[in-house]
C-alpha atoms as a PDB file:
ATOM      1  CA  MET A   1      27.739 -18.326  19.369  1.00  0.00           C
ATOM      2  CA  GLN A   2      25.651 -16.091  17.101  1.00  0.00           C
ATOM      3  CA  SER A   3      22.050 -15.629  18.274  1.00  0.00           C
ATOM      4  CA  GLU A   4      19.196 -16.856  16.065  1.00  0.00           C
ATOM      5  CA  ARG A   5      17.750 -14.155  13.797  1.00  0.00           C
ATOM      6  CA  LYS A   6      14.219 -13.003  14.548  1.00  0.00           C
ATOM      7  CA  SER A   7      11.564 -13.660  11.914  1.00  0.00           C
ATOM      8  CA  VAL A   8      10.309 -10.378  10.479  1.00  0.00           C
ATOM      9  CA  LEU A   9       7.435  -9.496   8.156  1.00  0.00           C
ATOM     10  CA  VAL A  10       6.974  -5.987   6.729  1.00  0.00           C
ATOM     11  CA  PHE A  11       3.988  -4.723   4.749  1.00  0.00           C
ATOM     12  CA  THR A  12       5.043  -2.000   2.318  1.00  0.00           C
ATOM     13  CA  GLY A  13       5.734  -1.428  -1.395  1.00  0.00           C
ATOM     14  CA  LEU A  14       4.079   1.980  -1.799  1.00  0.00           C
ATOM     15  CA  SER A  15       6.032   4.221   0.548  1.00  0.00           C
ATOM     16  CA  ILE A  16       9.271   2.453  -0.305  1.00  0.00           C
ATOM     17  CA  PRO A  17       9.887  -0.155  -3.054  1.00  0.00           C
ATOM     18  CA  PHE A  18      10.826  -3.650  -1.946  1.00  0.00           C
ATOM     19  CA  HIS A  19      14.307  -3.513  -3.490  1.00  0.00           C
ATOM     20  CA  GLU A  20      15.139  -0.345  -1.558  1.00  0.00           C
ATOM     21  CA  ALA A  21      13.664  -1.708   1.656  1.00  0.00           C
ATOM     22  CA  ARG A  22      15.822  -4.838   1.385  1.00  0.00           C
ATOM     23  CA  ARG A  23      18.965  -2.722   1.266  1.00  0.00           C
ATOM     24  CA  ILE A  24      18.101  -1.464   4.747  1.00  0.00           C
ATOM     25  CA  LEU A  25      16.577  -4.630   6.188  1.00  0.00           C
ATOM     26  CA  SER A  26      17.917  -7.667   4.367  1.00  0.00           C
ATOM     27  CA  ASP A  27      16.635 -10.243   6.875  1.00  0.00           C
ATOM     28  CA  ALA A  28      12.927  -9.426   6.536  1.00  0.00           C
ATOM     29  CA  GLU A  29      10.149 -10.838   4.378  1.00  0.00           C
ATOM     30  CA  PHE A  30       8.294  -8.111   2.491  1.00  0.00           C
ATOM     31  CA  LYS A  31       4.664  -8.199   1.397  1.00  0.00           C
ATOM     32  CA  PRO A  32       2.352  -5.710  -0.368  1.00  0.00           C
ATOM     33  CA  PRO A  33       0.157  -3.270   1.599  1.00  0.00           C
ATOM     34  CA  VAL A  34      -1.598  -4.967   4.491  1.00  0.00           C
ATOM     35  CA  ARG A  35      -5.254  -5.975   4.117  1.00  0.00           C
ATOM     36  CA  ARG A  36      -7.878  -7.178   6.581  1.00  0.00           C
ATOM     37  CA  GLY A  37      -6.802 -10.602   7.798  1.00  0.00           C
ATOM     38  CA  ASP A  38      -3.116 -10.351   6.874  1.00  0.00           C
ATOM     39  CA  VAL A  39      -1.920  -9.675  10.414  1.00  0.00           C
ATOM     40  CA  LEU A  40      -3.958 -12.575  11.827  1.00  0.00           C
ATOM     41  CA  ALA A  41      -2.309 -14.810   9.243  1.00  0.00           C
ATOM     42  CA  ALA A  42       1.096 -13.478  10.332  1.00  0.00           C
ATOM     43  CA  VAL A  43       0.243 -14.273  13.955  1.00  0.00           C
ATOM     44  CA  GLU A  44      -0.558 -17.860  12.971  1.00  0.00           C
ATOM     45  CA  ARG A  45       2.794 -18.095  11.171  1.00  0.00           C
ATOM     46  CA  ARG A  46       4.525 -16.955  14.385  1.00  0.00           C
ATOM     47  CA  TYR A  47       6.481 -13.976  13.110  1.00  0.00           C
ATOM     48  CA  GLU A  48       8.324 -12.254  15.947  1.00  0.00           C
ATOM     49  CA  ILE A  49       8.265  -8.740  14.499  1.00  0.00           C
ATOM     50  CA  ILE A  50       5.626  -7.264  12.176  1.00  0.00           C
ATOM     51  CA  GLY A  51       6.207  -3.941  10.451  1.00  0.00           C
ATOM     52  CA  ILE A  52       3.209  -2.081   9.070  1.00  0.00           C
ATOM     53  CA  ILE A  53       4.066   0.714   6.667  1.00  0.00           C
ATOM     54  CA  ASP A  54       1.488   0.584   3.862  1.00  0.00           C
ATOM     55  CA  GLY A  55      -2.054  -0.706   3.949  1.00  0.00           C
ATOM     56  CA  VAL A  56      -5.177  -0.678   1.838  1.00  0.00           C
ATOM     57  CA  PHE A  57      -8.225   1.340   2.804  1.00  0.00           C
ATOM     58  CA  MET A  58     -10.990   3.340   1.150  1.00  0.00           C
ATOM     59  CA  THR A  59     -11.536   0.661  -1.557  1.00  0.00           C
ATOM     60  CA  GLU A  60     -10.870  -2.487   0.525  1.00  0.00           C
ATOM     61  CA  ALA A  61     -11.199  -3.539   4.147  1.00  0.00           C
ATOM     62  CA  ALA A  62      -8.327  -2.098   6.166  1.00  0.00           C
ATOM     63  CA  VAL A  63      -6.345  -4.014   8.764  1.00  0.00           C
ATOM     64  CA  ALA A  64      -8.469  -4.210  11.903  1.00  0.00           C
ATOM     65  CA  HIS A  65      -7.375  -2.962  15.297  1.00  0.00           C
ATOM     66  CA  ARG A  66      -8.235  -6.335  16.833  1.00  0.00           C
ATOM     67  CA  GLU A  67      -5.744  -8.067  14.507  1.00  0.00           C
ATOM     68  CA  ILE A  68      -2.899  -5.914  15.755  1.00  0.00           C
ATOM     69  CA  LEU A  69      -4.069  -6.327  19.351  1.00  0.00           C
ATOM     70  CA  SER A  70      -4.044 -10.112  18.842  1.00  0.00           C
ATOM     71  CA  ALA A  71      -0.446  -9.901  17.649  1.00  0.00           C
ATOM     72  CA  LEU A  72       0.550  -7.774  20.630  1.00  0.00           C
ATOM     73  CA  ASN A  73      -1.225 -10.157  23.020  1.00  0.00           C
ATOM     74  CA  GLU A  74       0.821 -13.019  21.534  1.00  0.00           C
ATOM     75  CA  GLY A  75       4.018 -11.165  22.376  1.00  0.00           C
ATOM     76  CA  ILE A  76       4.734 -10.135  18.790  1.00  0.00           C
ATOM     77  CA  THR A  77       6.425  -6.767  18.333  1.00  0.00           C
ATOM     78  CA  VAL A  78       4.468  -4.528  15.945  1.00  0.00           C
ATOM     79  CA  VAL A  79       6.069  -1.389  14.501  1.00  0.00           C
ATOM     80  CA  GLY A  80       4.197   1.148  12.394  1.00  0.00           C
ATOM     81  CA  GLY A  81       4.841   4.372  10.529  1.00  0.00           C
ATOM     82  CA  ALA A  82       4.619   6.327   7.259  1.00  0.00           C
ATOM     83  CA  SER A  83       1.083   5.454   6.163  1.00  0.00           C
ATOM     84  CA  MET A  84      -1.479   2.992   7.529  1.00  0.00           C
ATOM     85  CA  GLY A  85       1.191   1.988  10.030  1.00  0.00           C
ATOM     86  CA  ALA A  86       1.369   5.532  11.375  1.00  0.00           C
ATOM     87  CA  LEU A  87      -2.400   5.751  11.730  1.00  0.00           C
ATOM     88  CA  ARG A  88      -2.751   2.430  13.536  1.00  0.00           C
ATOM     89  CA  ALA A  89       0.276   3.110  15.761  1.00  0.00           C
ATOM     90  CA  SER A  90      -1.223   6.417  16.898  1.00  0.00           C
ATOM     91  CA  GLU A  91      -4.363   4.520  17.924  1.00  0.00           C
ATOM     92  CA  LEU A  92      -2.693   1.475  19.478  1.00  0.00           C
ATOM     93  CA  ASP A  93       0.614   2.662  20.946  1.00  0.00           C
ATOM     94  CA  GLU A  94      -0.925   2.640  24.413  1.00  0.00           C
ATOM     95  CA  TYR A  95      -1.345  -1.121  23.967  1.00  0.00           C
ATOM     96  CA  GLY A  96       2.254  -1.646  22.935  1.00  0.00           C
ATOM     97  CA  MET A  97       2.436  -0.949  19.197  1.00  0.00           C
ATOM     98  CA  ILE A  98       5.568   1.075  18.394  1.00  0.00           C
ATOM     99  CA  GLY A  99       5.037   4.237  16.345  1.00  0.00           C
ATOM    100  CA  VAL A 100       7.851   5.794  14.322  1.00  0.00           C
ATOM    101  CA  GLY A 101       8.255   8.943  12.261  1.00  0.00           C
ATOM    102  CA  GLU A 102       6.792  12.385  11.653  1.00  0.00           C
ATOM    103  CA  ILE A 103       3.457  11.201  10.250  1.00  0.00           C
ATOM    104  CA  TYR A 104       2.888   9.017  13.310  1.00  0.00           C
ATOM    105  CA  ARG A 105       3.587  12.036  15.510  1.00  0.00           C
ATOM    106  CA  TRP A 106       1.191  14.190  13.493  1.00  0.00           C
ATOM    107  CA  TYR A 107      -1.602  11.655  14.030  1.00  0.00           C
ATOM    108  CA  LYS A 108      -0.734  11.267  17.714  1.00  0.00           C
ATOM    109  CA  GLU A 109      -0.658  15.022  18.335  1.00  0.00           C
ATOM    110  CA  GLY A 110      -3.847  15.691  16.386  1.00  0.00           C
ATOM    111  CA  VAL A 111      -2.161  17.688  13.619  1.00  0.00           C
ATOM    112  CA  ILE A 112      -3.924  15.320  11.198  1.00  0.00           C
ATOM    113  CA  ASP A 113      -6.756  12.867  11.821  1.00  0.00           C
ATOM    114  CA  SER A 114      -8.011  11.588   8.476  1.00  0.00           C
ATOM    115  CA  ASP A 115      -7.132   8.442   6.500  1.00  0.00           C
ATOM    116  CA  ASP A 116      -7.219  10.734   3.464  1.00  0.00           C
ATOM    117  CA  GLU A 117      -3.924  12.320   4.568  1.00  0.00           C
ATOM    118  CA  VAL A 118      -1.935   9.226   3.577  1.00  0.00           C
ATOM    119  CA  ALA A 119      -4.213   7.801   0.890  1.00  0.00           C
ATOM    120  CA  VAL A 120      -2.910   7.233  -2.643  1.00  0.00           C
ATOM    121  CA  ILE A 121      -3.960   5.242  -5.668  1.00  0.00           C
ATOM    122  CA  PHE A 122      -1.372   2.874  -7.083  1.00  0.00           C
ATOM    123  CA  ASP A 123      -0.622   0.492  -9.899  1.00  0.00           C
ATOM    124  CA  PRO A 124      -1.628  -2.954  -8.563  1.00  0.00           C
ATOM    125  CA  GLU A 125       1.116  -4.642 -10.574  1.00  0.00           C
ATOM    126  CA  THR A 126       4.109  -2.409  -9.770  1.00  0.00           C
ATOM    127  CA  LEU A 127       2.760  -0.827  -6.541  1.00  0.00           C
ATOM    128  CA  LYS A 128       3.907   2.539  -7.927  1.00  0.00           C
ATOM    129  CA  PRO A 129       1.875   5.424  -6.388  1.00  0.00           C
ATOM    130  CA  LEU A 130      -0.157   7.328  -8.987  1.00  0.00           C
ATOM    131  CA  SER A 131      -1.151  10.274  -6.784  1.00  0.00           C
ATOM    132  CA  GLU A 132       0.494  12.454  -4.142  1.00  0.00           C
ATOM    133  CA  PRO A 133      -0.343  11.870  -0.473  1.00  0.00           C
ATOM    134  CA  LEU A 134      -1.587  14.924   1.374  1.00  0.00           C
ATOM    135  CA  VAL A 135       1.052  14.457   4.090  1.00  0.00           C
ATOM    136  CA  ASN A 136       3.780  14.983   1.481  1.00  0.00           C
ATOM    137  CA  ILE A 137       2.109  18.124   0.189  1.00  0.00           C
ATOM    138  CA  ARG A 138       1.610  19.406   3.734  1.00  0.00           C
ATOM    139  CA  TYR A 139       5.254  18.788   4.647  1.00  0.00           C
ATOM    140  CA  ASN A 140       6.715  20.375   1.516  1.00  0.00           C
ATOM    141  CA  LEU A 141       4.470  23.427   1.813  1.00  0.00           C
ATOM    142  CA  LYS A 142       5.886  23.888   5.316  1.00  0.00           C
ATOM    143  CA  LEU A 143       9.439  23.620   3.961  1.00  0.00           C
ATOM    144  CA  MET A 144       8.674  26.138   1.216  1.00  0.00           C
ATOM    145  CA  CYS A 145       7.159  28.557   3.703  1.00  0.00           C
ATOM    146  CA  ASN A 146      10.219  28.259   5.950  1.00  0.00           C
ATOM    147  CA  ALA A 147      12.423  28.949   2.912  1.00  0.00           C
ATOM    148  CA  SER A 148      10.316  32.005   1.976  1.00  0.00           C
ATOM    149  CA  ILE A 149       9.306  30.460  -1.349  1.00  0.00           C
ATOM    150  CA  ILE A 150       5.674  31.009  -0.388  1.00  0.00           C
ATOM    151  CA  SER A 151       4.002  33.105   2.288  1.00  0.00           C
ATOM    152  CA  LYS A 152       2.049  31.692   5.216  1.00  0.00           C
ATOM    153  CA  SER A 153      -1.228  32.699   3.576  1.00  0.00           C
ATOM    154  CA  GLU A 154      -0.179  31.031   0.308  1.00  0.00           C
ATOM    155  CA  ARG A 155       0.763  27.913   2.212  1.00  0.00           C
ATOM    156  CA  GLU A 156      -2.671  27.810   3.854  1.00  0.00           C
ATOM    157  CA  MET A 157      -4.415  28.441   0.538  1.00  0.00           C
ATOM    158  CA  LEU A 158      -2.526  25.630  -1.215  1.00  0.00           C
ATOM    159  CA  LEU A 159      -3.125  23.227   1.655  1.00  0.00           C
ATOM    160  CA  GLU A 160      -6.864  23.929   1.616  1.00  0.00           C
ATOM    161  CA  MET A 161      -6.948  23.408  -2.143  1.00  0.00           C
ATOM    162  CA  ALA A 162      -5.090  20.091  -1.771  1.00  0.00           C
ATOM    163  CA  LYS A 163      -7.490  18.982   0.972  1.00  0.00           C
ATOM    164  CA  GLY A 164     -10.390  19.688  -1.356  1.00  0.00           C
ATOM    165  CA  MET A 165      -9.113  17.310  -4.013  1.00  0.00           C
ATOM    166  CA  PHE A 166     -10.332  13.724  -4.121  1.00  0.00           C
ATOM    167  CA  TYR A 167      -7.256  11.692  -3.204  1.00  0.00           C
ATOM    168  CA  PRO A 168      -6.901   9.741  -6.498  1.00  0.00           C
ATOM    169  CA  ARG A 169      -6.674  13.065  -8.372  1.00  0.00           C
ATOM    170  CA  ARG A 170      -4.346  14.785  -5.918  1.00  0.00           C
ATOM    171  CA  ASN A 171      -0.920  15.720  -7.303  1.00  0.00           C
ATOM    172  CA  TRP A 172       1.379  18.727  -7.532  1.00  0.00           C
ATOM    173  CA  GLN A 173       0.716  19.358 -11.203  1.00  0.00           C
ATOM    174  CA  ARG A 174      -3.047  19.631 -10.744  1.00  0.00           C
ATOM    175  CA  LEU A 175      -2.686  21.647  -7.538  1.00  0.00           C
ATOM    176  CA  LEU A 176      -0.330  24.226  -9.023  1.00  0.00           C
ATOM    177  CA  LYS A 177      -2.339  24.483 -12.219  1.00  0.00           C
ATOM    178  CA  GLU A 178      -5.444  25.342 -10.190  1.00  0.00           C
ATOM    179  CA  ALA A 179      -3.499  27.796  -8.039  1.00  0.00           C
ATOM    180  CA  SER A 180      -1.538  29.487 -10.852  1.00  0.00           C
ATOM    181  CA  LYS A 181      -4.025  32.336 -11.322  1.00  0.00           C
ATOM    182  CA  LYS A 182      -3.625  33.326  -7.671  1.00  0.00           C
ATOM    183  CA  LEU A 183       0.108  32.637  -7.393  1.00  0.00           C
ATOM    184  CA  GLY A 184       1.330  33.804 -10.798  1.00  0.00           C
ATOM    185  CA  ASN A 185       3.574  31.905 -13.200  1.00  0.00           C
ATOM    186  CA  GLU A 186       6.825  33.060 -11.597  1.00  0.00           C
ATOM    187  CA  LYS A 187       5.826  31.762  -8.153  1.00  0.00           C
ATOM    188  CA  VAL A 188       4.695  28.458  -9.656  1.00  0.00           C
ATOM    189  CA  LYS A 189       8.083  28.099 -11.365  1.00  0.00           C
ATOM    190  CA  ARG A 190       9.847  28.694  -8.036  1.00  0.00           C
ATOM    191  CA  ILE A 191       7.703  26.036  -6.378  1.00  0.00           C
ATOM    192  CA  HIS A 192       8.466  23.525  -9.138  1.00  0.00           C
ATOM    193  CA  ALA A 193      12.177  24.275  -8.811  1.00  0.00           C
ATOM    194  CA  PHE A 194      12.063  23.811  -5.039  1.00  0.00           C
ATOM    195  CA  LEU A 195      10.264  20.477  -5.356  1.00  0.00           C
ATOM    196  CA  LYS A 196      12.783  19.263  -7.922  1.00  0.00           C
ATOM    197  CA  GLU A 197      15.836  20.311  -5.903  1.00  0.00           C
ATOM    198  CA  LYS A 198      14.739  20.060  -2.266  1.00  0.00           C
ATOM    199  CA  GLY A 199      11.381  18.290  -2.175  1.00  0.00           C
ATOM    200  CA  VAL A 200      10.982  15.573   0.463  1.00  0.00           C
ATOM    201  CA  ASP A 201       9.018  12.336   0.187  1.00  0.00           C
ATOM    202  CA  LEU A 202       7.894  12.240   3.809  1.00  0.00           C
ATOM    203  CA  LYS A 203       6.213   8.851   3.563  1.00  0.00           C
ATOM    204  CA  LYS A 204       9.417   7.312   2.231  1.00  0.00           C
ATOM    205  CA  LYS A 205      11.476   9.095   4.885  1.00  0.00           C
ATOM    206  CA  ASP A 206       9.252   7.665   7.619  1.00  0.00           C
ATOM    207  CA  ALA A 207       9.231   4.206   5.993  1.00  0.00           C
ATOM    208  CA  ILE A 208      13.015   4.186   6.241  1.00  0.00           C
ATOM    209  CA  GLU A 209      12.708   5.061   9.933  1.00  0.00           C
ATOM    210  CA  VAL A 210      10.398   2.068  10.450  1.00  0.00           C
ATOM    211  CA  LEU A 211      12.903  -0.255   8.799  1.00  0.00           C
ATOM    212  CA  LYS A 212      15.765   1.172  10.848  1.00  0.00           C
ATOM    213  CA  LYS A 213      13.738   0.726  14.039  1.00  0.00           C
ATOM    214  CA  ILE A 214      13.059  -2.921  13.178  1.00  0.00           C
ATOM    215  CA  LYS A 215      16.735  -3.456  12.422  1.00  0.00           C
ATOM    216  CA  GLU A 216      17.558  -1.997  15.833  1.00  0.00           C
ATOM    217  CA  LEU A 217      15.071  -4.389  17.473  1.00  0.00           C
ATOM    218  CA  ILE A 218      16.529  -7.366  15.605  1.00  0.00           C
ATOM    219  CA  ASN A 219      20.014  -6.532  16.824  1.00  0.00           C
ATOM    220  CA  ALA A 220      18.966  -5.759  20.399  1.00  0.00           C
END
C-alpha cells in the first residue's frame, strides 16, 4: 500500500519561479516570500514540512525566529536555503532547522553576515527580482577570478563597490559602469561575456537544492 504523502508548504517565488519549482516538487503548495506570522499560520494548518527559501525584510517585518522554533517544537520539519531561508537556517540549525546550499554555508561559516547579501527588490505582481543580490555578485566574481578573467585585486575592488551600493540599485550594469574607468572597456566586455555564457544564479541554484532536499524527505 502506498504511504500517505506529507503536506508541504514552500515560501519562494523570487529565487525560483513557482512554475519551475513545481517541476521539481510537484506535491508541494507554494506561497510568496514568507512574512512575519506566515509560519505560525502554517503551524496551525498542520503542515508536516515547511520550506523557507524567500522572505521579506528591510521594508516589512521578517519571519521571526520564535515562529520557526514553534514549528520545530511541534515536530514540523523546516528546511531553509538560498535567501531568508539560508539566514534563518544558519541561526536555528542547532535547534533542528535544516540548512541547505552554499549561501547557508557562507552564513554559517561567517563568510557573510548581513541580510543585505541576499536582499533584492522585486515586482510585487510577478515576483520578478529587479536587482542583483550581493551573493550572486560575490559568487560570480569568484568564478571569474578562478578563470583569470579578473585579478584578485580586481575581484576585491568590484566586491567592495557592490557592497557600497544600496541593494535596490545593485546590478551588474551599474557596477561595471562605475568600474569601467579602472577596468577598461576590454575587461568589461570580457566580464559581460563571461556572465552571459557562464554566469551562475547562486540563489536559484540553492533554491533547487532546498526543493530536492524536501523531495528527499518526502520520499524517506
